[in-house]
């Protein structure tokens, strides 16, 4: 059952507030309320990852006494956020989570969720960072942040770019079912944009296979002479690849060695956006 952090935080906060009494208001009580929120969220995350867990397991995981874990689980169960799994003394997420998740995921905007990550990555990598999605036979850029070294970078927002010649397009192609990918490429064609564009189907398929294995795609002057780029997949709560996070820059600065060296940084950023979109991993 997918778990949305925003929904969990909201409800855990409500749980803590509803159990807070103004008559006993002290700084210690306020600290205790915040701690209750933190522990409640931790319990939900444990159940989300494990599927099921007993009181002892939860207590050990969040480092509290069994009686405290039992009270937390009891309060969450009363709100429908957790439920007992049969008669084995185990707990699992309850259907109350679905209601909360549904209220949040319908409003999730990938550019809104990705904005802070893109801004941080552009500063860290020093190059232009984009979020792109697939539209028919193209990759379209939805959001862009320029790095400090990319003052004169081209504005790609709103532009349609060929899937086979861009790092974003390649990552979107790589995770399509094979038949769907073949049909799409057959219809779109493999136009030679630069002398370095891959236009042979077998060679492109090999390139996409390697992209899936490594977890990221890259292009070296395949869309534009002097431009290098790499991209990583962004997933939704069901694990489907719905967008690509890319970094691009001039080949003299964003060298092939640097492209592959910075891949782990971009992958981590893509994972963070995926998590914001509800993907647990």
Protein backbone atom coordinates (compact mmCIF):
# COMPACT_ATOMS: atom_id res chain seq x y z
CA UNK A 1 0.00 0.00 0.00
CA UNK A 2 1.66 3.31 -1.08
CA UNK A 3 2.47 5.77 1.67
CA UNK A 4 2.61 9.51 1.05
CA UNK A 5 4.86 11.36 3.45
CA UNK A 6 2.81 14.55 3.27
CA UNK A 7 -0.34 12.68 4.27
CA UNK A 8 1.45 10.88 7.09
CA UNK A 9 2.99 14.07 8.45
CA UNK A 10 -0.37 15.83 8.39
CA UNK A 11 -2.19 13.06 10.16
CA UNK A 12 0.56 12.36 12.66
CA UNK A 13 0.56 16.04 13.48
CA UNK A 14 -3.22 15.98 13.95
CA UNK A 15 -2.83 12.96 16.20
CA UNK A 16 -0.29 14.73 18.39
CA UNK A 17 -2.28 17.96 18.55
CA UNK A 18 -5.52 16.19 19.42
CA UNK A 19 -3.76 14.54 22.36
CA UNK A 20 -2.26 17.79 23.58
CA UNK A 21 -3.89 19.56 26.50
CA UNK A 22 -3.47 23.35 26.94
CA UNK A 23 -4.02 22.91 30.69
CA UNK A 24 -0.62 21.23 30.95
CA UNK A 25 1.20 23.59 28.63
CA UNK A 26 4.90 23.69 29.42
CA UNK A 27 8.02 23.65 27.32
CA UNK A 28 8.49 20.00 28.23
CA UNK A 29 4.96 19.17 27.13
CA UNK A 30 5.56 20.90 23.82
CA UNK A 31 8.75 18.91 23.33
CA UNK A 32 6.82 15.77 24.19
CA UNK A 33 4.19 16.61 21.56
CA UNK A 34 6.84 17.03 18.86
CA UNK A 35 8.46 13.78 19.96
CA UNK A 36 5.09 12.01 19.67
CA UNK A 37 4.73 13.28 16.11
CA UNK A 38 8.22 12.07 15.24
CA UNK A 39 7.62 8.65 16.77
CA UNK A 40 4.21 8.26 15.11
CA UNK A 41 5.72 9.03 11.70
CA UNK A 42 8.55 6.57 12.39
CA UNK A 43 6.03 3.84 13.23
CA UNK A 44 4.17 4.43 9.96
CA UNK A 45 7.40 4.39 7.97
CA UNK A 46 8.47 1.12 9.62
CA UNK A 47 5.18 -0.53 8.68
CA UNK A 48 5.39 0.92 5.16
CA UNK A 49 8.79 -0.66 4.60
CA UNK A 50 8.30 -3.94 6.48
CA UNK A 51 4.69 -4.61 5.64
CA UNK A 52 4.03 -5.96 9.15
CA UNK A 53 5.70 -5.54 12.53
CA UNK A 54 5.00 -6.46 16.14
CA UNK A 55 5.11 -4.21 19.20
CA UNK A 56 8.57 -5.47 20.17
CA UNK A 57 9.96 -4.84 16.69
CA UNK A 58 8.54 -1.32 16.58
CA UNK A 59 9.85 -0.58 20.08
CA UNK A 60 13.34 -1.77 19.15
CA UNK A 61 13.33 0.18 15.88
CA UNK A 62 12.42 3.54 17.44
CA UNK A 63 14.27 2.81 20.68
CA UNK A 64 11.38 3.09 23.16
CA UNK A 65 9.83 0.87 25.83
CA UNK A 66 7.28 -1.69 24.61
CA UNK A 67 4.53 0.09 26.53
CA UNK A 68 5.27 3.33 24.62
CA UNK A 69 5.20 1.51 21.28
CA UNK A 70 1.94 -0.16 22.29
CA UNK A 71 0.34 3.22 23.11
CA UNK A 72 1.52 4.71 19.80
CA UNK A 73 0.15 1.78 17.83
CA UNK A 74 -3.10 1.95 19.79
CA UNK A 75 -3.57 5.65 19.04
CA UNK A 76 -2.80 5.14 15.34
CA UNK A 77 -5.13 2.15 15.22
CA UNK A 78 -7.94 4.26 16.71
CA UNK A 79 -7.53 6.68 13.77
CA UNK A 80 -7.53 3.86 11.21
CA UNK A 81 -3.92 4.45 10.19
CA UNK A 82 -2.78 1.01 11.37
CA UNK A 83 -4.60 -2.26 11.96
CA UNK A 84 -3.81 -5.62 13.51
CA UNK A 85 -2.87 -8.34 11.05
CA UNK A 86 -4.87 -11.36 12.22
CA UNK A 87 -4.12 -12.79 15.63
CA UNK A 88 -0.35 -12.82 15.39
CA UNK A 89 0.19 -9.62 17.34
CA UNK A 90 1.45 -7.91 14.20
CA UNK A 91 0.40 -4.51 12.87
CA UNK A 92 0.21 -3.19 9.32
CA UNK A 93 -0.88 0.03 7.66
CA UNK A 94 -4.63 0.65 7.78
CA UNK A 95 -6.96 1.92 5.10
CA UNK A 96 -6.96 5.38 6.71
CA UNK A 97 -3.64 5.87 4.91
CA UNK A 98 -5.37 5.45 1.54
CA UNK A 99 -7.75 8.29 2.30
CA UNK A 100 -4.90 10.61 3.25
CA UNK A 101 -2.69 9.56 0.35
CA UNK A 102 -5.52 10.11 -2.11
CA UNK A 103 -5.99 13.65 -0.84
CA UNK A 104 -2.32 14.45 -1.45
CA UNK A 105 -1.17 12.53 -4.51
CA UNK A 106 -3.87 14.02 -6.70
CA UNK A 107 -2.34 17.44 -6.11
CA UNK A 108 1.32 16.49 -6.52
CA UNK A 109 3.05 18.58 -9.16
CA UNK A 110 6.38 17.23 -10.35
CA UNK A 111 7.86 20.68 -10.95
CA UNK A 112 6.77 21.84 -7.52
CA UNK A 113 8.21 18.73 -5.86
CA UNK A 114 11.39 18.92 -7.93
CA UNK A 115 12.11 22.64 -7.63
CA UNK A 116 14.22 22.59 -4.42
CA UNK A 117 16.14 19.54 -5.60
CA UNK A 118 16.90 21.12 -8.99
CA UNK A 119 18.06 24.33 -7.35
CA UNK A 120 20.41 22.45 -5.05
CA UNK A 121 21.79 20.26 -7.84
CA UNK A 122 22.39 23.19 -10.18
CA UNK A 123 24.48 24.82 -7.47
CA UNK A 124 26.29 21.60 -6.59
CA UNK A 125 26.98 20.40 -10.14
CA UNK A 126 27.44 23.88 -11.57
CA UNK A 127 25.47 23.10 -14.73
CA UNK A 128 21.92 23.45 -16.05
CA UNK A 129 19.39 21.05 -14.49
CA UNK A 130 16.07 20.14 -16.16
CA UNK A 131 12.98 18.06 -15.53
CA UNK A 132 11.44 16.55 -18.67
CA UNK A 133 8.51 14.28 -19.50
CA UNK A 134 7.47 12.38 -22.60
CA UNK A 135 4.96 13.95 -24.96
CA UNK A 136 4.08 11.83 -27.98
CA UNK A 137 7.41 11.27 -29.80
CA UNK A 138 9.37 13.89 -27.87
CA UNK A 139 10.80 14.82 -24.51
CA UNK A 140 9.51 18.18 -23.31
CA UNK A 141 11.29 20.18 -20.63
CA UNK A 142 9.01 21.44 -17.86
CA UNK A 143 11.42 23.12 -15.49
CA UNK A 144 14.99 24.41 -15.62
CA UNK A 145 17.53 25.82 -13.20
CA UNK A 146 20.81 27.26 -14.39
CA UNK A 147 23.98 26.58 -12.42
CA UNK A 148 26.41 29.36 -11.45
CA UNK A 149 28.72 28.39 -14.32
CA UNK A 150 25.89 28.22 -16.87
CA UNK A 151 25.16 31.93 -17.26
CA UNK A 152 24.63 31.71 -21.01
CA UNK A 153 22.79 28.37 -21.00
CA UNK A 154 20.01 27.83 -23.48
CA UNK A 155 16.47 27.91 -22.07
CA UNK A 156 15.00 24.49 -22.84
CA UNK A 157 11.67 24.96 -21.03
CA UNK A 158 8.74 24.15 -23.29
CA UNK A 159 10.93 22.80 -26.08
CA UNK A 160 10.27 19.44 -27.72
CA UNK A 161 13.47 17.44 -28.17
CA UNK A 162 13.98 14.07 -29.91
CA UNK A 163 13.89 11.15 -27.52
CA UNK A 164 16.80 9.24 -29.09
CA UNK A 165 19.16 12.23 -29.11
CA UNK A 166 18.76 13.50 -25.52
CA UNK A 167 19.69 12.04 -22.15
CA UNK A 168 16.17 12.72 -20.81
CA UNK A 169 14.61 11.08 -23.86
CA UNK A 170 16.86 8.06 -23.54
CA UNK A 171 15.98 7.48 -19.90
CA UNK A 172 12.27 7.77 -20.73
CA UNK A 173 12.71 5.30 -23.59
CA UNK A 174 14.85 2.92 -21.55
CA UNK A 175 12.06 2.17 -19.08
CA UNK A 176 9.29 1.70 -21.63
CA UNK A 177 8.13 -1.85 -22.38
CA UNK A 178 10.16 -3.18 -25.34
CA UNK A 179 7.20 -3.44 -27.74
CA UNK A 180 5.96 0.05 -26.90
CA UNK A 181 9.46 1.46 -27.33
CA UNK A 182 9.94 -0.24 -30.69
CA UNK A 183 6.60 1.02 -32.00
CA UNK A 184 7.29 4.57 -30.81
CA UNK A 185 10.76 4.70 -32.39
CA UNK A 186 9.47 3.18 -35.60
CA UNK A 187 6.84 5.89 -35.86
CA UNK A 188 9.11 8.75 -34.77
CA UNK A 189 12.17 7.71 -36.74
CA UNK A 190 15.80 8.14 -35.74
CA UNK A 191 16.81 11.43 -37.32
CA UNK A 192 20.50 12.26 -37.39
CA UNK A 193 20.65 15.58 -35.52
CA UNK A 194 24.45 15.75 -35.31
CA UNK A 195 27.24 13.48 -36.59
CA UNK A 196 27.22 11.83 -33.15
CA UNK A 197 23.50 11.03 -32.97
CA UNK A 198 22.80 7.30 -32.66
CA UNK A 199 20.53 6.33 -35.55
CA UNK A 200 21.05 2.54 -35.73
CA UNK A 201 18.28 0.74 -33.82
CA UNK A 202 20.57 -2.05 -32.56
CA UNK A 203 23.16 0.43 -31.28
CA UNK A 204 20.49 2.58 -29.61
CA UNK A 205 18.91 -0.48 -27.96
CA UNK A 206 22.32 -1.47 -26.60
CA UNK A 207 22.79 2.08 -25.29
CA UNK A 208 19.38 1.99 -23.58
CA UNK A 209 20.12 -1.41 -22.03
CA UNK A 210 23.30 0.01 -20.54
CA UNK A 211 21.33 3.02 -19.28
CA UNK A 212 18.93 0.69 -17.43
CA UNK A 213 21.83 -1.25 -15.95
CA UNK A 214 23.64 1.87 -14.75
CA UNK A 215 20.46 3.68 -13.76
CA UNK A 216 21.21 6.75 -15.87
CA UNK A 217 21.50 7.79 -19.52
CA UNK A 218 23.96 10.17 -21.17
CA UNK A 219 24.56 11.92 -24.48
CA UNK A 220 27.81 13.27 -25.89
CA UNK A 221 27.14 15.92 -28.57
CA UNK A 222 24.16 13.90 -29.86
CA UNK A 223 21.66 16.77 -29.81
CA UNK A 224 23.98 19.71 -30.23
CA UNK A 225 27.69 19.94 -30.98
CA UNK A 226 29.56 20.90 -27.83
CA UNK A 227 26.76 19.78 -25.47
CA UNK A 228 26.97 16.84 -23.05
CA UNK A 229 24.21 15.65 -20.72
CA UNK A 230 23.12 12.89 -18.36
CA UNK A 231 19.70 11.99 -16.96
CA UNK A 232 18.17 9.82 -14.24
CA UNK A 233 14.61 8.48 -13.85
CA UNK A 234 11.92 10.03 -11.64
CA UNK A 235 9.26 7.56 -10.48
CA UNK A 236 5.71 7.93 -9.20
CA UNK A 237 4.32 6.17 -6.14
CA UNK A 238 3.76 2.98 -8.16
CA UNK A 239 7.39 2.89 -9.29
CA UNK A 240 6.66 3.90 -12.88
CA UNK A 241 9.15 6.23 -14.59
CA UNK A 242 7.17 9.42 -15.26
CA UNK A 243 9.93 11.97 -15.87
CA UNK A 244 13.65 12.50 -16.21
CA UNK A 245 16.01 14.69 -14.22
CA UNK A 246 18.95 15.87 -16.31
CA UNK A 247 22.11 17.93 -16.07
CA UNK A 248 23.76 19.39 -19.15
CA UNK A 249 26.70 21.61 -19.99
CA UNK A 250 29.38 22.45 -22.55
CA UNK A 251 31.63 19.54 -23.48
CA UNK A 252 34.83 21.43 -22.60
CA UNK A 253 33.64 21.74 -19.00
CA UNK A 254 31.13 18.90 -18.64
CA UNK A 255 33.53 16.27 -19.95
CA UNK A 256 32.64 12.60 -20.45
CA UNK A 257 34.62 11.71 -17.33
CA UNK A 258 32.79 14.37 -15.31
CA UNK A 259 29.42 13.25 -16.70
CA UNK A 260 29.89 9.73 -15.33
CA UNK A 261 31.54 11.00 -12.15
CA UNK A 262 28.53 13.17 -11.28
CA UNK A 263 25.96 10.47 -12.09
CA UNK A 264 25.61 9.36 -8.43
CA UNK A 265 24.77 12.94 -7.44
CA UNK A 266 22.05 13.20 -10.08
CA UNK A 267 20.70 9.74 -9.21
CA UNK A 268 20.36 10.75 -5.58
CA UNK A 269 18.47 13.89 -6.65
CA UNK A 270 16.12 11.87 -8.86
CA UNK A 271 15.48 9.47 -5.96
CA UNK A 272 14.63 12.40 -3.70
CA UNK A 273 12.08 13.77 -6.19
CA UNK A 274 10.65 10.26 -6.61
CA UNK A 275 10.27 10.04 -2.84
CA UNK A 276 8.48 13.39 -2.85
CA UNK A 277 6.14 11.95 -5.48
CA UNK A 278 5.26 9.09 -3.13
CA UNK A 279 7.72 6.41 -4.26
CA UNK A 280 9.05 4.33 -1.36
CA UNK A 281 11.80 2.54 -3.27
